[in-house]
């Protein structure tokens, strides 16, 4: 079974989706190809996002914000929406919603709490995909 094409989406592709992509690439390469995007991409990934991920031993210093329109349709079998808004042009049938607080502009402890929540959600998704692979 080939890896599932997963896109993690948040509003600016600066915090939540970048964290999710980092965790997915680190822990789940056997079951997914991870990408991230934002509805309104920011100019850069904030230092706080990179620092929070560094604490987990994951380097996202090469990551940069991208728009949802930068993702080709065949690169999206599953879209994880953390933006709080509908995803234009993305079929609802492939969208899952994760309600995760946006840490942008908040204190380091908020970034760390959000990071840890996203890590757990990504790990659960990886386990789900591995179970599906084993069952097929």
Protein backbone atom coordinates (compact mmCIF):
# COMPACT_ATOMS: atom_id res chain seq x y z
CA UNK A 1 0.00 0.00 0.00
CA UNK A 2 1.45 3.36 -0.97
CA UNK A 3 1.68 6.19 1.59
CA UNK A 4 -1.36 8.46 1.96
CA UNK A 5 -0.92 12.03 0.68
CA UNK A 6 -1.79 14.17 3.73
CA UNK A 7 -1.99 17.97 3.84
CA UNK A 8 -2.12 19.75 7.19
CA UNK A 9 -3.84 23.14 6.87
CA UNK A 10 -4.04 26.08 9.25
CA UNK A 11 -4.67 29.75 8.66
CA UNK A 12 -1.16 31.09 8.02
CA UNK A 13 0.92 27.91 7.59
CA UNK A 14 3.18 29.34 10.26
CA UNK A 15 2.51 27.35 13.41
CA UNK A 16 0.04 24.44 13.68
CA UNK A 17 0.30 22.98 10.19
CA UNK A 18 4.09 23.36 10.19
CA UNK A 19 4.28 21.48 13.50
CA UNK A 20 2.01 18.74 12.20
CA UNK A 21 4.05 18.37 9.03
CA UNK A 22 7.25 18.13 11.08
CA UNK A 23 5.84 15.41 13.33
CA UNK A 24 4.31 13.50 10.41
CA UNK A 25 7.55 13.51 8.43
CA UNK A 26 9.53 12.42 11.47
CA UNK A 27 7.22 9.70 12.80
CA UNK A 28 5.05 8.57 9.89
CA UNK A 29 7.01 8.42 6.64
CA UNK A 30 6.07 4.76 6.28
CA UNK A 31 2.36 5.56 5.94
CA UNK A 32 2.09 9.14 4.71
CA UNK A 33 3.62 11.85 2.58
CA UNK A 34 3.09 14.99 4.65
CA UNK A 35 2.72 18.54 3.41
CA UNK A 36 1.35 21.70 4.97
CA UNK A 37 -0.40 24.81 3.71
CA UNK A 38 -2.31 27.84 4.88
CA UNK A 39 -5.42 29.65 3.77
CA UNK A 40 -3.58 32.99 4.04
CA UNK A 41 0.14 32.11 4.25
CA UNK A 42 2.32 34.36 6.37
CA UNK A 43 5.72 35.64 5.29
CA UNK A 44 7.75 33.28 7.49
CA UNK A 45 7.58 30.55 10.10
CA UNK A 46 7.93 32.28 13.49
CA UNK A 47 10.99 31.62 15.62
CA UNK A 48 8.68 30.30 18.36
CA UNK A 49 7.38 27.53 16.11
CA UNK A 50 10.89 26.39 15.17
CA UNK A 51 12.04 26.62 18.80
CA UNK A 52 9.11 24.53 20.05
CA UNK A 53 9.89 21.84 17.47
CA UNK A 54 13.64 21.97 18.23
CA UNK A 55 12.77 21.03 21.81
CA UNK A 56 11.36 17.78 20.37
CA UNK A 57 14.47 17.23 18.25
CA UNK A 58 12.68 18.11 14.99
CA UNK A 59 14.31 20.67 12.71
CA UNK A 60 11.82 22.67 10.63
CA UNK A 61 14.21 25.53 9.92
CA UNK A 62 13.92 24.84 6.19
CA UNK A 63 10.11 25.07 6.23
CA UNK A 64 8.35 28.09 4.73
CA UNK A 65 4.68 29.10 4.47
CA UNK A 66 2.77 27.86 1.42
CA UNK A 67 -0.76 28.39 0.22
CA UNK A 68 -3.38 25.71 -0.23
CA UNK A 69 -3.28 26.48 -3.95
CA UNK A 70 0.38 25.34 -3.99
CA UNK A 71 -0.78 21.78 -3.33
CA UNK A 72 -1.77 19.79 -6.41
CA UNK A 73 -5.02 17.79 -6.25
CA UNK A 74 -3.15 14.46 -6.56
CA UNK A 75 -1.05 15.47 -3.53
CA UNK A 76 -4.11 15.50 -1.29
CA UNK A 77 -5.90 12.32 -0.28
CA UNK A 78 -6.54 13.55 3.25
CA UNK A 79 -6.72 17.18 4.44
CA UNK A 80 -6.41 17.91 8.14
CA UNK A 81 -8.06 21.28 8.72
CA UNK A 82 -6.93 23.25 11.77
CA UNK A 83 -7.80 26.66 10.28
CA UNK A 84 -11.31 26.99 11.66
CA UNK A 85 -12.55 27.86 8.15
CA UNK A 86 -13.82 25.81 5.19
CA UNK A 87 -11.12 24.73 2.73
CA UNK A 88 -11.95 26.18 -0.68
CA UNK A 89 -11.72 23.69 -3.52
CA UNK A 90 -11.11 20.71 -1.23
CA UNK A 91 -13.76 17.97 -1.29
CA UNK A 92 -15.43 17.70 2.12
CA UNK A 93 -15.13 13.91 1.91
CA UNK A 94 -11.35 14.09 2.46
CA UNK A 95 -11.37 16.77 5.19
CA UNK A 96 -10.94 16.09 8.91
CA UNK A 97 -11.20 18.91 11.40
CA UNK A 98 -8.80 19.22 14.30
CA UNK A 99 -9.79 22.00 16.72
CA UNK A 100 -6.40 23.23 17.88
CA UNK A 101 -5.72 26.68 19.31
CA UNK A 102 -3.66 29.02 17.15
CA UNK A 103 -0.56 29.98 19.19
CA UNK A 104 0.46 32.86 16.91
CA UNK A 105 1.39 35.91 18.97
CA UNK A 106 1.07 34.05 22.27
CA UNK A 107 3.56 33.01 24.93
CA UNK A 108 6.04 30.15 24.61
CA UNK A 109 4.02 27.94 26.96
CA UNK A 110 1.06 28.15 24.55
CA UNK A 111 3.28 27.13 21.63
CA UNK A 112 4.53 24.17 23.67
CA UNK A 113 1.02 23.10 24.71
CA UNK A 114 -0.22 23.34 21.13
CA UNK A 115 2.86 21.47 19.90
CA UNK A 116 2.24 18.63 22.35
CA UNK A 117 -1.45 18.43 21.40
CA UNK A 118 -0.57 18.27 17.71
CA UNK A 119 2.08 15.62 18.36
CA UNK A 120 -0.57 13.42 19.99
CA UNK A 121 -3.04 13.96 17.15
CA UNK A 122 -0.42 13.16 14.51
CA UNK A 123 0.68 10.01 16.38
CA UNK A 124 -2.95 8.85 16.52
CA UNK A 125 -3.35 9.47 12.78
CA UNK A 126 -0.17 7.49 12.08
CA UNK A 127 -1.44 4.58 14.18
CA UNK A 128 -4.77 4.69 12.34
CA UNK A 129 -3.01 4.61 8.96
CA UNK A 130 -0.76 1.75 10.09
CA UNK A 131 -3.79 -0.26 11.25
CA UNK A 132 -5.52 0.37 7.92
CA UNK A 133 -2.40 -0.78 6.09
CA UNK A 134 -2.17 -3.93 8.20
CA UNK A 135 -5.85 -4.70 7.57
CA UNK A 136 -5.61 -4.36 3.80
